[in-house]
């Protein structure tokens, strides 16, 4: 299940996104992410680390971008976010670790005048690394895909644990 959060002044949430755990009512159905787009062009979604989080994250991006009128970059952003979340679920969330909390993953969307930042925070300190996937492999190309779709991507450690992996997309002139 996914939860949206509202910003507040105070300590950072897991993964460094400044937020509170106040959720908006879900738009429809339990498996749909809650949506809350804030006046400061920021939206966040807490994710519980299950494989279906990639689909929930894509829906969250779609709902947020509809409100932001960013249909021109929505497809690329959905794919980037899907890969970021999938990598976090596969490589950063260890089963049965209650100390990471109910929502070990956080998706943040940040809109700036000329670009958009998609960021996923997770509890693992391990750096993401690109792999050279065999041509017959069905996985292992996520960071290559992110690299080809985004203007830039990187990661940084977050306190007290974990990291945030982000990708930036140029916004077309409006």
C-alpha atoms as a PDB file:
ATOM      1  CA  UNK A   1       0.000   0.000   0.000  1.00  0.00           C
ATOM      2  CA  UNK A   2       1.176   3.536  -0.695  1.00  0.00           C
ATOM      3  CA  UNK A   3       0.653   6.666   1.390  1.00  0.00           C
ATOM      4  CA  UNK A   4       1.102  10.315   0.459  1.00  0.00           C
ATOM      5  CA  UNK A   5       2.434  12.758   2.960  1.00  0.00           C
ATOM      6  CA  UNK A   6       2.257  16.461   3.652  1.00  0.00           C
ATOM      7  CA  UNK A   7       5.323  18.558   4.355  1.00  0.00           C
ATOM      8  CA  UNK A   8       6.058  20.046   7.717  1.00  0.00           C
ATOM      9  CA  UNK A   9       8.838  21.909   9.422  1.00  0.00           C
ATOM     10  CA  UNK A  10      10.738  19.475  11.552  1.00  0.00           C
ATOM     11  CA  UNK A  11      12.787  16.310  11.362  1.00  0.00           C
ATOM     12  CA  UNK A  12      13.161  14.509   8.078  1.00  0.00           C
ATOM     13  CA  UNK A  13      11.273  11.314   7.431  1.00  0.00           C
ATOM     14  CA  UNK A  14      13.000   8.066   6.480  1.00  0.00           C
ATOM     15  CA  UNK A  15      15.222   8.676   3.492  1.00  0.00           C
ATOM     16  CA  UNK A  16      15.478  12.412   3.963  1.00  0.00           C
ATOM     17  CA  UNK A  17      12.144  13.592   2.564  1.00  0.00           C
ATOM     18  CA  UNK A  18      10.803  16.280   4.870  1.00  0.00           C
ATOM     19  CA  UNK A  19       7.315  15.067   5.566  1.00  0.00           C
ATOM     20  CA  UNK A  20       4.745  14.082   8.100  1.00  0.00           C
ATOM     21  CA  UNK A  21       2.755  10.881   8.062  1.00  0.00           C
ATOM     22  CA  UNK A  22      -0.604  12.488   7.461  1.00  0.00           C
ATOM     23  CA  UNK A  23      -2.374  10.789   4.617  1.00  0.00           C
ATOM     24  CA  UNK A  24      -5.023  12.145   2.332  1.00  0.00           C
ATOM     25  CA  UNK A  25      -8.066  10.011   1.599  1.00  0.00           C
ATOM     26  CA  UNK A  26      -7.393   7.546  -1.215  1.00  0.00           C
ATOM     27  CA  UNK A  27      -8.821   8.535  -4.605  1.00  0.00           C
ATOM     28  CA  UNK A  28     -10.223   5.069  -5.282  1.00  0.00           C
ATOM     29  CA  UNK A  29      -9.585   1.588  -3.989  1.00  0.00           C
ATOM     30  CA  UNK A  30      -7.092   0.380  -1.436  1.00  0.00           C
ATOM     31  CA  UNK A  31      -4.342  -0.370  -3.982  1.00  0.00           C
ATOM     32  CA  UNK A  32      -4.313   3.140  -5.406  1.00  0.00           C
ATOM     33  CA  UNK A  33      -1.777   5.612  -4.025  1.00  0.00           C
ATOM     34  CA  UNK A  34      -3.041   8.620  -2.147  1.00  0.00           C
ATOM     35  CA  UNK A  35      -2.350  11.844  -3.974  1.00  0.00           C
ATOM     36  CA  UNK A  36      -1.396  15.136  -2.464  1.00  0.00           C
ATOM     37  CA  UNK A  37       0.249  17.782  -4.602  1.00  0.00           C
ATOM     38  CA  UNK A  38       1.524  20.645  -2.548  1.00  0.00           C
ATOM     39  CA  UNK A  39       1.773  24.323  -3.459  1.00  0.00           C
ATOM     40  CA  UNK A  40       5.569  24.120  -3.441  1.00  0.00           C
ATOM     41  CA  UNK A  41       5.585  21.677  -6.363  1.00  0.00           C
ATOM     42  CA  UNK A  42       6.431  18.693  -4.184  1.00  0.00           C
ATOM     43  CA  UNK A  43       4.621  15.389  -3.830  1.00  0.00           C
ATOM     44  CA  UNK A  44       5.685  12.329  -1.830  1.00  0.00           C
ATOM     45  CA  UNK A  45       4.474   8.793  -1.464  1.00  0.00           C
ATOM     46  CA  UNK A  46       5.469   6.244   1.198  1.00  0.00           C
ATOM     47  CA  UNK A  47       5.806   2.674  -0.103  1.00  0.00           C
ATOM     48  CA  UNK A  48       5.851  -0.543   1.907  1.00  0.00           C
ATOM     49  CA  UNK A  49       8.552  -2.406  -0.056  1.00  0.00           C
ATOM     50  CA  UNK A  50       6.373  -4.923  -1.886  1.00  0.00           C
ATOM     51  CA  UNK A  51       6.820  -5.761  -5.602  1.00  0.00           C
ATOM     52  CA  UNK A  52       3.538  -4.034  -6.506  1.00  0.00           C
ATOM     53  CA  UNK A  53       5.036  -0.706  -5.365  1.00  0.00           C
ATOM     54  CA  UNK A  54       6.377  -0.056  -8.880  1.00  0.00           C
ATOM     55  CA  UNK A  55       2.833   0.016 -10.266  1.00  0.00           C
ATOM     56  CA  UNK A  56       1.628   2.141  -7.369  1.00  0.00           C
ATOM     57  CA  UNK A  57       4.484   4.570  -7.979  1.00  0.00           C
ATOM     58  CA  UNK A  58       3.593   4.834 -11.694  1.00  0.00           C
ATOM     59  CA  UNK A  59      -0.017   5.641 -10.781  1.00  0.00           C
ATOM     60  CA  UNK A  60       1.160   8.219  -8.240  1.00  0.00           C
ATOM     61  CA  UNK A  61       3.337   9.887 -10.894  1.00  0.00           C
ATOM     62  CA  UNK A  62       0.425   9.839 -13.353  1.00  0.00           C
ATOM     63  CA  UNK A  63      -1.985  11.439 -10.887  1.00  0.00           C
ATOM     64  CA  UNK A  64       0.571  14.034  -9.803  1.00  0.00           C
ATOM     65  CA  UNK A  65       1.595  14.914 -13.354  1.00  0.00           C
ATOM     66  CA  UNK A  66      -2.052  15.268 -14.364  1.00  0.00           C
ATOM     67  CA  UNK A  67      -2.403  17.911 -11.658  1.00  0.00           C
ATOM     68  CA  UNK A  68       0.878  19.541 -12.650  1.00  0.00           C
ATOM     69  CA  UNK A  69      -0.039  19.481 -16.398  1.00  0.00           C
ATOM     70  CA  UNK A  70       3.202  17.644 -17.250  1.00  0.00           C
ATOM     71  CA  UNK A  71       1.905  15.116 -19.759  1.00  0.00           C
ATOM     72  CA  UNK A  72       4.906  15.752 -22.052  1.00  0.00           C
ATOM     73  CA  UNK A  73       7.308  14.037 -19.623  1.00  0.00           C
ATOM     74  CA  UNK A  74       4.900  11.681 -17.849  1.00  0.00           C
ATOM     75  CA  UNK A  75       5.822   8.522 -19.784  1.00  0.00           C
ATOM     76  CA  UNK A  76       9.570   8.947 -19.189  1.00  0.00           C
ATOM     77  CA  UNK A  77       9.043   9.872 -15.537  1.00  0.00           C
ATOM     78  CA  UNK A  78       6.792   6.833 -14.955  1.00  0.00           C
ATOM     79  CA  UNK A  79       9.434   4.536 -16.432  1.00  0.00           C
ATOM     80  CA  UNK A  80      12.240   6.153 -14.419  1.00  0.00           C
ATOM     81  CA  UNK A  81      10.256   5.970 -11.171  1.00  0.00           C
ATOM     82  CA  UNK A  82       9.250   2.389 -11.891  1.00  0.00           C
ATOM     83  CA  UNK A  83      12.914   1.417 -12.293  1.00  0.00           C
ATOM     84  CA  UNK A  84      14.008   3.351  -9.185  1.00  0.00           C
ATOM     85  CA  UNK A  85      11.295   1.725  -7.064  1.00  0.00           C
ATOM     86  CA  UNK A  86      11.905  -1.751  -8.522  1.00  0.00           C
ATOM     87  CA  UNK A  87      15.624  -1.453  -7.720  1.00  0.00           C
ATOM     88  CA  UNK A  88      14.840  -0.354  -4.166  1.00  0.00           C
ATOM     89  CA  UNK A  89      12.375  -3.219  -3.626  1.00  0.00           C
ATOM     90  CA  UNK A  90      14.781  -5.806  -5.086  1.00  0.00           C
ATOM     91  CA  UNK A  91      18.057  -4.646  -3.604  1.00  0.00           C
ATOM     92  CA  UNK A  92      17.395  -2.416  -0.590  1.00  0.00           C
ATOM     93  CA  UNK A  93      14.423  -3.769   1.347  1.00  0.00           C
ATOM     94  CA  UNK A  94      15.226  -6.789   3.435  1.00  0.00           C
ATOM     95  CA  UNK A  95      12.249  -8.869   4.538  1.00  0.00           C
ATOM     96  CA  UNK A  96      11.408  -8.918   8.207  1.00  0.00           C
ATOM     97  CA  UNK A  97      13.196  -5.691   9.215  1.00  0.00           C
ATOM     98  CA  UNK A  98      10.644  -3.945  11.444  1.00  0.00           C
ATOM     99  CA  UNK A  99      13.135  -1.218  12.409  1.00  0.00           C
ATOM    100  CA  UNK A 100      12.804   0.406   8.968  1.00  0.00           C
ATOM    101  CA  UNK A 101       9.154   1.198   9.621  1.00  0.00           C
ATOM    102  CA  UNK A 102       5.865   0.705   7.862  1.00  0.00           C
ATOM    103  CA  UNK A 103       7.032   2.576   4.752  1.00  0.00           C
ATOM    104  CA  UNK A 104      10.715   1.773   4.131  1.00  0.00           C
ATOM    105  CA  UNK A 105      10.639   3.433   0.690  1.00  0.00           C
ATOM    106  CA  UNK A 106       9.756   7.015  -0.126  1.00  0.00           C
ATOM    107  CA  UNK A 107       9.123   8.457  -3.558  1.00  0.00           C
ATOM    108  CA  UNK A 108       9.523  12.206  -3.896  1.00  0.00           C
ATOM    109  CA  UNK A 109       8.653  14.332  -6.930  1.00  0.00           C
ATOM    110  CA  UNK A 110      10.088  17.846  -7.053  1.00  0.00           C
ATOM    111  CA  UNK A 111       9.092  20.296  -9.784  1.00  0.00           C
ATOM    112  CA  UNK A 112      11.405  23.212 -10.539  1.00  0.00           C
ATOM    113  CA  UNK A 113      10.991  25.823 -13.294  1.00  0.00           C
ATOM    114  CA  UNK A 114      13.268  24.020 -15.770  1.00  0.00           C
ATOM    115  CA  UNK A 115      13.436  20.440 -14.524  1.00  0.00           C
ATOM    116  CA  UNK A 116      11.790  17.709 -12.527  1.00  0.00           C
ATOM    117  CA  UNK A 117      13.479  15.553  -9.904  1.00  0.00           C
ATOM    118  CA  UNK A 118      12.293  12.010  -9.144  1.00  0.00           C
ATOM    119  CA  UNK A 119      13.854  10.564  -5.980  1.00  0.00           C
ATOM    120  CA  UNK A 120      13.470   7.243  -4.171  1.00  0.00           C
ATOM    121  CA  UNK A 121      14.828   6.805  -0.658  1.00  0.00           C
ATOM    122  CA  UNK A 122      15.453   3.398   0.846  1.00  0.00           C
ATOM    123  CA  UNK A 123      17.025   1.930   4.006  1.00  0.00           C
ATOM    124  CA  UNK A 124      20.119   0.387   2.372  1.00  0.00           C
ATOM    125  CA  UNK A 125      23.465   2.193   2.428  1.00  0.00           C
ATOM    126  CA  UNK A 126      24.686   0.176  -0.592  1.00  0.00           C
ATOM    127  CA  UNK A 127      25.418   2.261  -3.663  1.00  0.00           C
ATOM    128  CA  UNK A 128      23.422   1.520  -6.803  1.00  0.00           C
ATOM    129  CA  UNK A 129      25.607   0.080  -9.531  1.00  0.00           C
ATOM    130  CA  UNK A 130      25.087  -0.373 -13.213  1.00  0.00           C
ATOM    131  CA  UNK A 131      25.472  -3.904 -14.489  1.00  0.00           C
ATOM    132  CA  UNK A 132      26.289  -5.169 -17.899  1.00  0.00           C
ATOM    133  CA  UNK A 133      23.323  -7.424 -18.517  1.00  0.00           C
ATOM    134  CA  UNK A 134      23.656 -10.315 -20.917  1.00  0.00           C
ATOM    135  CA  UNK A 135      21.606  -9.828 -24.081  1.00  0.00           C
ATOM    136  CA  UNK A 136      19.301 -12.670 -23.029  1.00  0.00           C
ATOM    137  CA  UNK A 137      18.846 -11.405 -19.440  1.00  0.00           C
ATOM    138  CA  UNK A 138      15.367 -10.228 -18.453  1.00  0.00           C
ATOM    139  CA  UNK A 139      16.669  -7.805 -15.811  1.00  0.00           C
ATOM    140  CA  UNK A 140      19.755  -5.782 -14.980  1.00  0.00           C
ATOM    141  CA  UNK A 141      19.240  -2.778 -17.259  1.00  0.00           C
ATOM    142  CA  UNK A 142      17.344  -0.436 -14.913  1.00  0.00           C
ATOM    143  CA  UNK A 143      20.112   2.083 -14.279  1.00  0.00           C
ATOM    144  CA  UNK A 144      21.085   2.073 -17.966  1.00  0.00           C
ATOM    145  CA  UNK A 145      17.482   2.862 -18.816  1.00  0.00           C
ATOM    146  CA  UNK A 146      17.362   5.642 -16.196  1.00  0.00           C
ATOM    147  CA  UNK A 147      20.619   7.027 -17.573  1.00  0.00           C
ATOM    148  CA  UNK A 148      19.295   7.109 -21.127  1.00  0.00           C
ATOM    149  CA  UNK A 149      15.931   8.713 -20.224  1.00  0.00           C
ATOM    150  CA  UNK A 150      17.104  11.304 -17.703  1.00  0.00           C
ATOM    151  CA  UNK A 151      19.368  14.323 -18.019  1.00  0.00           C
ATOM    152  CA  UNK A 152      21.306  13.071 -15.009  1.00  0.00           C
ATOM    153  CA  UNK A 153      21.005  10.685 -12.100  1.00  0.00           C
ATOM    154  CA  UNK A 154      22.963  10.003  -8.956  1.00  0.00           C
ATOM    155  CA  UNK A 155      22.584   8.962  -5.346  1.00  0.00           C
ATOM    156  CA  UNK A 156      23.583  10.165  -1.907  1.00  0.00           C
ATOM    157  CA  UNK A 157      23.597   8.643   1.567  1.00  0.00           C
ATOM    158  CA  UNK A 158      20.859   9.779   3.935  1.00  0.00           C
ATOM    159  CA  UNK A 159      20.893   9.973   7.706  1.00  0.00           C
ATOM    160  CA  UNK A 160      20.465   8.023   9.871  1.00  0.00           C
ATOM    161  CA  UNK A 161      20.596   5.166   7.354  1.00  0.00           C
ATOM    162  CA  UNK A 162      20.024   4.451   3.721  1.00  0.00           C
ATOM    163  CA  UNK A 163      20.304   6.434   0.536  1.00  0.00           C
ATOM    164  CA  UNK A 164      18.339   8.466  -1.973  1.00  0.00           C
ATOM    165  CA  UNK A 165      18.653   7.701  -5.674  1.00  0.00           C
ATOM    166  CA  UNK A 166      17.426  10.482  -7.959  1.00  0.00           C
ATOM    167  CA  UNK A 167      17.008  11.305 -11.627  1.00  0.00           C
ATOM    168  CA  UNK A 168      16.430  14.707 -13.233  1.00  0.00           C
ATOM    169  CA  UNK A 169      14.336  15.393 -16.329  1.00  0.00           C
ATOM    170  CA  UNK A 170      14.349  18.615 -18.322  1.00  0.00           C
ATOM    171  CA  UNK A 171      10.907  20.212 -18.566  1.00  0.00           C
ATOM    172  CA  UNK A 172       9.833  21.565 -21.938  1.00  0.00           C
ATOM    173  CA  UNK A 173       9.173  25.292 -22.123  1.00  0.00           C
ATOM    174  CA  UNK A 174       5.520  26.032 -21.424  1.00  0.00           C
END
